């Protein structure tokens, strides 16, 4: 099986899924910010923004009721009871900023502001990557005993 191919729907837990979504969102944001910087001298260019942190927060599943005993199933052939309250799907949204033009050529890109956003986003992505690596290390330890 090729390395990028996924075997079925393997889930490593909600935390790993959320960290993966955070890294996906940061990757999209990085591309959009880099595009803004690359087009700083393009006349009438409108910078874009990426919003994914609110969507990321919405993917968190509702907490279980502490008064209720949860039913767990050991096989996909078992019948689940009730309507599980799963997480919302994760979607990254990109919007074009329509704020005031900042330059005489009609562009609204401020390269200093974009570089600051790029630095912040890079730090965020690096932190999420480290947290994801820690989760996989814990899973490896649990498997190996």
N, C-alpha and C. Protein backbone atom coordinates (compact mmCIF):
# COMPACT_ATOMS: atom_id res chain seq x y z
N UNK A 1 0.85 -1.17 0.00
CA UNK A 1 0.00 0.00 0.00
C UNK A 1 0.90 1.24 0.00
N UNK A 2 0.64 2.24 -0.87
CA UNK A 2 1.44 3.45 -0.89
C UNK A 2 1.37 4.20 0.43
N UNK A 3 2.41 4.97 0.69
CA UNK A 3 2.54 5.62 1.98
C UNK A 3 1.41 6.61 2.27
N UNK A 4 0.91 7.35 1.29
CA UNK A 4 -0.11 8.35 1.52
C UNK A 4 -1.52 7.79 1.61
N UNK A 5 -1.69 6.50 1.34
CA UNK A 5 -3.00 5.89 1.32
C UNK A 5 -3.45 5.57 2.74
N UNK A 6 -4.74 5.77 3.02
CA UNK A 6 -5.28 5.53 4.34
C UNK A 6 -6.03 4.21 4.35
N UNK A 7 -5.82 3.43 5.40
CA UNK A 7 -6.54 2.17 5.56
C UNK A 7 -7.88 2.43 6.24
N UNK A 8 -8.96 2.46 5.51
CA UNK A 8 -10.27 2.63 6.11
C UNK A 8 -10.39 3.97 6.82
N UNK A 9 -11.27 4.01 7.80
CA UNK A 9 -11.48 5.21 8.61
C UNK A 9 -10.87 5.00 9.99
N UNK A 10 -9.57 5.04 10.06
CA UNK A 10 -8.88 4.85 11.33
C UNK A 10 -8.90 6.16 12.09
N UNK A 11 -9.33 6.13 13.34
CA UNK A 11 -9.36 7.32 14.17
C UNK A 11 -8.43 7.12 15.36
N UNK A 12 -7.61 8.11 15.60
CA UNK A 12 -6.71 8.05 16.73
C UNK A 12 -7.21 8.92 17.88
N UNK A 13 -8.47 9.25 17.85
CA UNK A 13 -9.06 10.02 18.93
C UNK A 13 -9.36 11.45 18.53
N UNK A 14 -10.16 12.09 19.36
CA UNK A 14 -10.61 13.44 19.09
C UNK A 14 -9.45 14.44 19.12
N UNK A 15 -8.50 14.27 20.04
CA UNK A 15 -7.39 15.21 20.15
C UNK A 15 -6.53 15.20 18.90
N UNK A 16 -6.21 14.02 18.40
CA UNK A 16 -5.39 13.90 17.20
C UNK A 16 -6.12 14.51 16.02
N UNK A 17 -7.42 14.26 15.90
CA UNK A 17 -8.21 14.83 14.81
C UNK A 17 -8.24 16.35 14.87
N UNK A 18 -8.39 16.89 16.08
CA UNK A 18 -8.43 18.34 16.23
C UNK A 18 -7.07 18.96 15.90
N UNK A 19 -6.00 18.33 16.33
CA UNK A 19 -4.66 18.84 16.01
C UNK A 19 -4.39 18.77 14.51
N UNK A 20 -4.86 17.71 13.87
CA UNK A 20 -4.71 17.61 12.41
C UNK A 20 -5.46 18.74 11.72
N UNK A 21 -6.70 19.01 12.18
CA UNK A 21 -7.47 20.10 11.60
C UNK A 21 -6.78 21.45 11.83
N UNK A 22 -6.19 21.62 13.01
CA UNK A 22 -5.48 22.87 13.31
C UNK A 22 -4.30 23.05 12.36
N UNK A 23 -3.58 21.97 12.09
CA UNK A 23 -2.45 22.06 11.17
C UNK A 23 -2.92 22.31 9.74
N UNK A 24 -4.04 21.70 9.34
CA UNK A 24 -4.60 21.96 8.02
C UNK A 24 -5.00 23.43 7.87
N UNK A 25 -5.65 23.97 8.89
CA UNK A 25 -6.05 25.37 8.87
C UNK A 25 -4.85 26.30 8.82
N UNK A 26 -3.83 25.98 9.60
CA UNK A 26 -2.61 26.81 9.61
C UNK A 26 -1.91 26.74 8.25
N UNK A 27 -1.95 25.57 7.62
CA UNK A 27 -1.34 25.43 6.29
C UNK A 27 -2.06 26.27 5.25
N UNK A 28 -3.39 26.26 5.31
CA UNK A 28 -4.17 27.09 4.39
C UNK A 28 -3.90 28.57 4.65
N UNK A 29 -3.86 28.95 5.93
CA UNK A 29 -3.58 30.35 6.28
C UNK A 29 -2.20 30.77 5.78
N UNK A 30 -1.22 29.87 5.90
CA UNK A 30 0.13 30.17 5.44
C UNK A 30 0.14 30.47 3.93
N UNK A 31 -0.56 29.65 3.17
CA UNK A 31 -0.63 29.86 1.73
C UNK A 31 -1.29 31.18 1.35
N UNK A 32 -2.37 31.53 2.05
CA UNK A 32 -3.09 32.78 1.77
C UNK A 32 -2.23 33.98 2.13
N UNK A 33 -1.56 33.93 3.29
CA UNK A 33 -0.70 35.04 3.71
C UNK A 33 0.47 35.18 2.74
N UNK A 34 1.06 34.07 2.33
CA UNK A 34 2.17 34.12 1.37
C UNK A 34 1.70 34.72 0.04
N UNK A 35 0.49 34.39 -0.38
CA UNK A 35 -0.07 34.97 -1.61
C UNK A 35 -0.25 36.49 -1.45
N UNK A 36 -0.72 36.92 -0.28
CA UNK A 36 -0.86 38.35 -0.03
C UNK A 36 0.49 39.06 -0.15
N UNK A 37 1.52 38.47 0.44
CA UNK A 37 2.86 39.07 0.40
C UNK A 37 3.39 39.08 -1.03
N UNK A 38 3.17 38.00 -1.76
CA UNK A 38 3.67 37.91 -3.14
C UNK A 38 3.02 38.95 -4.04
N UNK A 39 1.81 39.35 -3.72
CA UNK A 39 1.08 40.30 -4.56
C UNK A 39 1.06 41.72 -3.98
N UNK A 40 2.00 42.02 -3.12
CA UNK A 40 2.02 43.34 -2.48
C UNK A 40 2.13 44.47 -3.50
N UNK A 41 2.79 44.24 -4.60
CA UNK A 41 2.96 45.28 -5.63
C UNK A 41 2.01 45.13 -6.81
N UNK A 42 1.02 44.27 -6.69
CA UNK A 42 0.04 44.09 -7.76
C UNK A 42 -1.04 45.16 -7.64
N UNK A 43 -1.22 45.99 -8.65
CA UNK A 43 -2.24 47.04 -8.58
C UNK A 43 -3.63 46.46 -8.35
N UNK A 44 -4.39 47.10 -7.48
CA UNK A 44 -5.77 46.75 -7.14
C UNK A 44 -5.93 45.37 -6.52
N UNK A 45 -4.84 44.78 -6.02
CA UNK A 45 -4.94 43.48 -5.37
C UNK A 45 -5.61 43.65 -4.01
N UNK A 46 -6.50 42.72 -3.67
CA UNK A 46 -7.17 42.71 -2.37
C UNK A 46 -6.68 41.51 -1.59
N UNK A 47 -6.17 41.79 -0.42
CA UNK A 47 -5.64 40.71 0.42
C UNK A 47 -6.79 39.82 0.89
N UNK A 48 -6.44 38.59 1.23
CA UNK A 48 -7.43 37.63 1.73
C UNK A 48 -7.09 37.27 3.16
N UNK A 49 -8.08 36.86 3.90
CA UNK A 49 -7.92 36.40 5.28
C UNK A 49 -8.48 34.99 5.38
N UNK A 50 -7.92 34.22 6.30
CA UNK A 50 -8.40 32.86 6.54
C UNK A 50 -8.94 32.79 7.96
N UNK A 51 -10.12 32.22 8.09
CA UNK A 51 -10.73 32.04 9.40
C UNK A 51 -10.92 30.54 9.62
N UNK A 52 -10.18 30.00 10.58
CA UNK A 52 -10.36 28.57 10.86
C UNK A 52 -10.43 28.27 12.35
N UNK A 53 -10.05 29.19 13.19
CA UNK A 53 -10.02 28.89 14.63
C UNK A 53 -11.41 28.76 15.23
N UNK A 54 -12.39 29.54 14.76
CA UNK A 54 -13.76 29.38 15.23
C UNK A 54 -14.34 28.06 14.74
N UNK A 55 -14.04 27.70 13.50
CA UNK A 55 -14.51 26.42 12.95
C UNK A 55 -13.85 25.27 13.70
N UNK A 56 -12.60 25.45 14.08
CA UNK A 56 -11.88 24.42 14.83
C UNK A 56 -12.53 24.21 16.20
N UNK A 57 -12.90 25.30 16.85
CA UNK A 57 -13.56 25.20 18.16
C UNK A 57 -14.91 24.51 18.03
N UNK A 58 -15.59 24.71 16.90
CA UNK A 58 -16.91 24.09 16.70
C UNK A 58 -16.82 22.59 16.44
N UNK A 59 -15.64 22.09 16.09
CA UNK A 59 -15.51 20.65 15.83
C UNK A 59 -15.46 19.83 17.10
N UNK A 60 -15.29 20.48 18.23
CA UNK A 60 -15.23 19.74 19.49
C UNK A 60 -16.60 19.16 19.78
N UNK A 61 -16.62 17.88 20.05
CA UNK A 61 -17.89 17.20 20.33
C UNK A 61 -18.46 17.68 21.66
N UNK A 62 -19.77 17.60 21.77
CA UNK A 62 -20.42 18.00 23.02
C UNK A 62 -19.99 17.06 24.13
N UNK A 63 -19.75 17.59 25.33
CA UNK A 63 -19.33 16.72 26.43
C UNK A 63 -20.44 15.74 26.82
N UNK A 64 -20.04 14.58 27.24
CA UNK A 64 -21.00 13.55 27.64
C UNK A 64 -21.67 13.96 28.95
N UNK A 65 -22.91 13.53 29.12
CA UNK A 65 -23.65 13.80 30.34
C UNK A 65 -23.06 12.94 31.45
N UNK A 66 -22.54 13.56 32.54
CA UNK A 66 -21.91 12.77 33.61
C UNK A 66 -22.90 11.90 34.37
N UNK A 67 -24.20 12.19 34.25
CA UNK A 67 -25.23 11.41 34.95
C UNK A 67 -25.61 10.15 34.17
N UNK A 68 -25.15 10.05 32.94
CA UNK A 68 -25.56 8.95 32.08
C UNK A 68 -24.38 8.03 31.79
N UNK A 69 -24.61 6.75 31.89
CA UNK A 69 -23.58 5.77 31.58
C UNK A 69 -23.53 5.56 30.07
N UNK A 70 -22.37 5.75 29.50
CA UNK A 70 -22.24 5.65 28.05
C UNK A 70 -22.16 4.20 27.61
N UNK A 71 -22.76 3.90 26.48
CA UNK A 71 -22.70 2.58 25.90
C UNK A 71 -21.54 2.55 24.92
N UNK A 72 -20.65 1.60 25.09
CA UNK A 72 -19.55 1.46 24.14
C UNK A 72 -19.74 0.18 23.35
N UNK A 73 -19.30 0.22 22.11
CA UNK A 73 -19.38 -0.95 21.25
C UNK A 73 -17.98 -1.36 20.87
N UNK A 74 -17.76 -2.65 20.77
CA UNK A 74 -16.43 -3.17 20.46
C UNK A 74 -16.28 -3.54 18.99
N UNK A 75 -17.35 -3.45 18.23
CA UNK A 75 -17.31 -3.82 16.82
C UNK A 75 -18.26 -2.93 16.04
N UNK A 76 -17.97 -2.72 14.78
CA UNK A 76 -18.87 -1.91 13.96
C UNK A 76 -20.17 -2.65 13.67
N UNK A 77 -20.21 -3.93 14.01
CA UNK A 77 -21.44 -4.71 13.82
C UNK A 77 -22.38 -4.57 15.01
N UNK A 78 -21.90 -3.99 16.12
CA UNK A 78 -22.76 -3.76 17.28
C UNK A 78 -23.69 -2.60 16.99
N UNK A 79 -24.85 -2.63 17.61
CA UNK A 79 -25.84 -1.59 17.39
C UNK A 79 -25.63 -0.49 18.43
N UNK A 80 -25.43 0.72 17.94
CA UNK A 80 -25.27 1.86 18.84
C UNK A 80 -26.64 2.39 19.22
N UNK A 81 -26.80 2.76 20.49
CA UNK A 81 -28.07 3.30 20.96
C UNK A 81 -28.00 4.82 20.99
N UNK A 82 -29.12 5.44 20.74
CA UNK A 82 -29.19 6.89 20.82
C UNK A 82 -28.57 7.55 19.59
N UNK A 83 -28.62 8.85 19.61
CA UNK A 83 -28.06 9.65 18.52
C UNK A 83 -26.78 10.28 19.03
N UNK A 84 -25.63 9.76 18.63
CA UNK A 84 -24.40 10.32 19.14
C UNK A 84 -24.24 11.78 18.71
N UNK A 85 -23.77 12.59 19.65
CA UNK A 85 -23.55 13.99 19.35
C UNK A 85 -22.10 14.17 18.95
N UNK A 86 -21.84 13.94 17.69
CA UNK A 86 -20.48 14.05 17.18
C UNK A 86 -20.10 15.49 16.93
N UNK A 87 -18.89 15.65 16.48
CA UNK A 87 -18.38 16.98 16.19
C UNK A 87 -18.88 17.47 14.84
N UNK A 88 -18.94 18.79 14.71
CA UNK A 88 -19.28 19.39 13.43
C UNK A 88 -18.11 19.18 12.48
N UNK A 89 -18.39 19.28 11.19
CA UNK A 89 -17.31 19.13 10.23
C UNK A 89 -16.45 20.39 10.25
N UNK A 90 -15.19 20.23 9.89
CA UNK A 90 -14.23 21.33 9.92
C UNK A 90 -14.08 21.93 8.54
N UNK A 91 -14.29 23.23 8.44
CA UNK A 91 -14.15 23.92 7.16
C UNK A 91 -13.36 25.20 7.36
N UNK A 92 -12.40 25.41 6.50
CA UNK A 92 -11.60 26.62 6.51
C UNK A 92 -12.23 27.59 5.52
N UNK A 93 -12.48 28.82 5.94
CA UNK A 93 -13.07 29.81 5.05
C UNK A 93 -12.05 30.91 4.75
N UNK A 94 -11.99 31.26 3.49
CA UNK A 94 -11.12 32.34 3.04
C UNK A 94 -12.00 33.47 2.53
N UNK A 95 -11.74 34.67 3.02
CA UNK A 95 -12.51 35.83 2.59
C UNK A 95 -11.57 36.90 2.06
N UNK A 96 -12.04 37.63 1.07
CA UNK A 96 -11.28 38.73 0.52
C UNK A 96 -11.62 39.99 1.31
N UNK A 97 -10.60 40.66 1.81
CA UNK A 97 -10.81 41.88 2.60
C UNK A 97 -11.19 43.03 1.68
N UNK A 98 -12.23 43.75 2.05
CA UNK A 98 -12.68 44.87 1.23
C UNK A 98 -12.45 46.20 1.94
N UNK A 99 -11.53 46.22 2.89
CA UNK A 99 -11.28 47.45 3.63
C UNK A 99 -10.59 48.49 2.75
N UNK A 100 -10.34 49.62 3.30
CA UNK A 100 -9.76 50.75 2.57
C UNK A 100 -8.46 50.38 1.89
N UNK A 101 -8.24 50.95 0.72
CA UNK A 101 -6.96 50.75 0.06
C UNK A 101 -5.89 51.50 0.85
N UNK A 102 -4.72 50.92 0.94
CA UNK A 102 -3.65 51.52 1.72
C UNK A 102 -2.60 52.17 0.84
N UNK A 103 -2.65 51.88 -0.43
CA UNK A 103 -1.59 52.36 -1.33
C UNK A 103 -2.19 53.09 -2.52
N UNK A 104 -1.38 53.86 -3.17
CA UNK A 104 -1.83 54.63 -4.33
C UNK A 104 -2.22 53.74 -5.50
N UNK A 105 -1.66 52.53 -5.57
CA UNK A 105 -1.97 51.64 -6.69
C UNK A 105 -3.26 50.84 -6.47
N UNK A 106 -3.98 51.10 -5.37
CA UNK A 106 -5.26 50.43 -5.11
C UNK A 106 -5.15 49.17 -4.28
N UNK A 107 -3.96 48.73 -3.95
CA UNK A 107 -3.77 47.53 -3.14
C UNK A 107 -4.05 47.83 -1.67
N UNK A 108 -4.53 46.85 -0.94
CA UNK A 108 -4.75 47.02 0.49
C UNK A 108 -3.83 46.12 1.32
N UNK A 109 -2.71 45.69 0.76
CA UNK A 109 -1.77 44.82 1.45
C UNK A 109 -0.73 45.65 2.19
N UNK A 110 -0.61 45.43 3.48
CA UNK A 110 0.45 46.03 4.28
C UNK A 110 1.45 44.91 4.56
N UNK A 111 2.62 44.98 3.93
CA UNK A 111 3.58 43.88 4.00
C UNK A 111 4.05 43.64 5.44
N UNK A 112 4.18 44.68 6.24
CA UNK A 112 4.59 44.50 7.64
C UNK A 112 3.54 43.73 8.43
N UNK A 113 2.29 44.07 8.20
CA UNK A 113 1.20 43.36 8.88
C UNK A 113 1.14 41.90 8.43
N UNK A 114 1.31 41.66 7.15
CA UNK A 114 1.27 40.29 6.63
C UNK A 114 2.44 39.46 7.16
N UNK A 115 3.62 40.07 7.26
CA UNK A 115 4.77 39.35 7.80
C UNK A 115 4.56 38.99 9.27
N UNK A 116 3.92 39.90 10.02
CA UNK A 116 3.61 39.60 11.42
C UNK A 116 2.62 38.44 11.51
N UNK A 117 1.60 38.44 10.64
CA UNK A 117 0.63 37.34 10.61
C UNK A 117 1.31 36.02 10.24
N UNK A 118 2.24 36.09 9.28
CA UNK A 118 2.96 34.89 8.85
C UNK A 118 3.79 34.32 10.00
N UNK A 119 4.46 35.18 10.74
CA UNK A 119 5.27 34.74 11.88
C UNK A 119 4.39 34.10 12.96
N UNK A 120 3.28 34.73 13.26
CA UNK A 120 2.36 34.20 14.27
C UNK A 120 1.79 32.86 13.82
N UNK A 121 1.40 32.76 12.56
CA UNK A 121 0.84 31.52 12.03
C UNK A 121 1.88 30.40 12.02
N UNK A 122 3.13 30.74 11.70
CA UNK A 122 4.20 29.73 11.71
C UNK A 122 4.43 29.18 13.10
N UNK A 123 4.41 30.06 14.10
CA UNK A 123 4.56 29.62 15.49
C UNK A 123 3.40 28.73 15.90
N UNK A 124 2.19 29.10 15.50
CA UNK A 124 1.00 28.31 15.81
C UNK A 124 1.11 26.92 15.19
N UNK A 125 1.50 26.86 13.91
CA UNK A 125 1.62 25.57 13.22
C UNK A 125 2.70 24.71 13.85
N UNK A 126 3.80 25.32 14.24
CA UNK A 126 4.88 24.57 14.88
C UNK A 126 4.42 23.99 16.22
N UNK A 127 3.68 24.78 16.98
CA UNK A 127 3.16 24.29 18.27
C UNK A 127 2.19 23.14 18.06
N UNK A 128 1.29 23.27 17.10
CA UNK A 128 0.33 22.19 16.82
C UNK A 128 1.06 20.93 16.36
N UNK A 129 2.11 21.10 15.56
CA UNK A 129 2.91 19.96 15.12
C UNK A 129 3.58 19.25 16.28
N UNK A 130 4.10 20.00 17.24
CA UNK A 130 4.73 19.41 18.40
C UNK A 130 3.71 18.67 19.27
N UNK A 131 2.53 19.28 19.42
CA UNK A 131 1.48 18.61 20.20
C UNK A 131 1.02 17.33 19.51
N UNK A 132 0.91 17.35 18.19
CA UNK A 132 0.52 16.15 17.45
C UNK A 132 1.58 15.07 17.58
N UNK A 133 2.84 15.46 17.53
CA UNK A 133 3.93 14.51 17.71
C UNK A 133 3.87 13.89 19.11
N UNK A 134 3.55 14.69 20.12
CA UNK A 134 3.40 14.16 21.49
C UNK A 134 2.26 13.14 21.56
N UNK A 135 1.14 13.42 20.88
CA UNK A 135 0.02 12.48 20.89
C UNK A 135 0.41 11.15 20.24
N UNK A 136 1.11 11.21 19.12
CA UNK A 136 1.55 9.98 18.46
C UNK A 136 2.57 9.22 19.32
N UNK A 137 3.40 9.92 20.05
CA UNK A 137 4.36 9.27 20.95
C UNK A 137 3.62 8.53 22.05
N UNK A 138 2.55 9.15 22.57
CA UNK A 138 1.74 8.49 23.61
C UNK A 138 1.07 7.24 23.05
N UNK A 139 0.56 7.34 21.84
CA UNK A 139 -0.08 6.17 21.23
C UNK A 139 0.95 5.05 21.02
N UNK A 140 2.14 5.41 20.57
CA UNK A 140 3.20 4.42 20.37
C UNK A 140 3.54 3.74 21.69
N UNK A 141 3.64 4.53 22.76
CA UNK A 141 3.95 3.96 24.07
C UNK A 141 2.84 3.02 24.54
N UNK A 142 1.59 3.40 24.29
CA UNK A 142 0.47 2.55 24.69
C UNK A 142 0.47 1.24 23.92
N UNK A 143 0.82 1.28 22.66
CA UNK A 143 0.83 0.07 21.83
C UNK A 143 1.99 -0.84 22.23
N UNK A 144 3.15 -0.25 22.48
CA UNK A 144 4.33 -1.04 22.80
C UNK A 144 4.34 -1.53 24.25
N UNK A 145 3.50 -0.94 25.08
CA UNK A 145 3.39 -1.40 26.45
C UNK A 145 4.24 -0.70 27.35
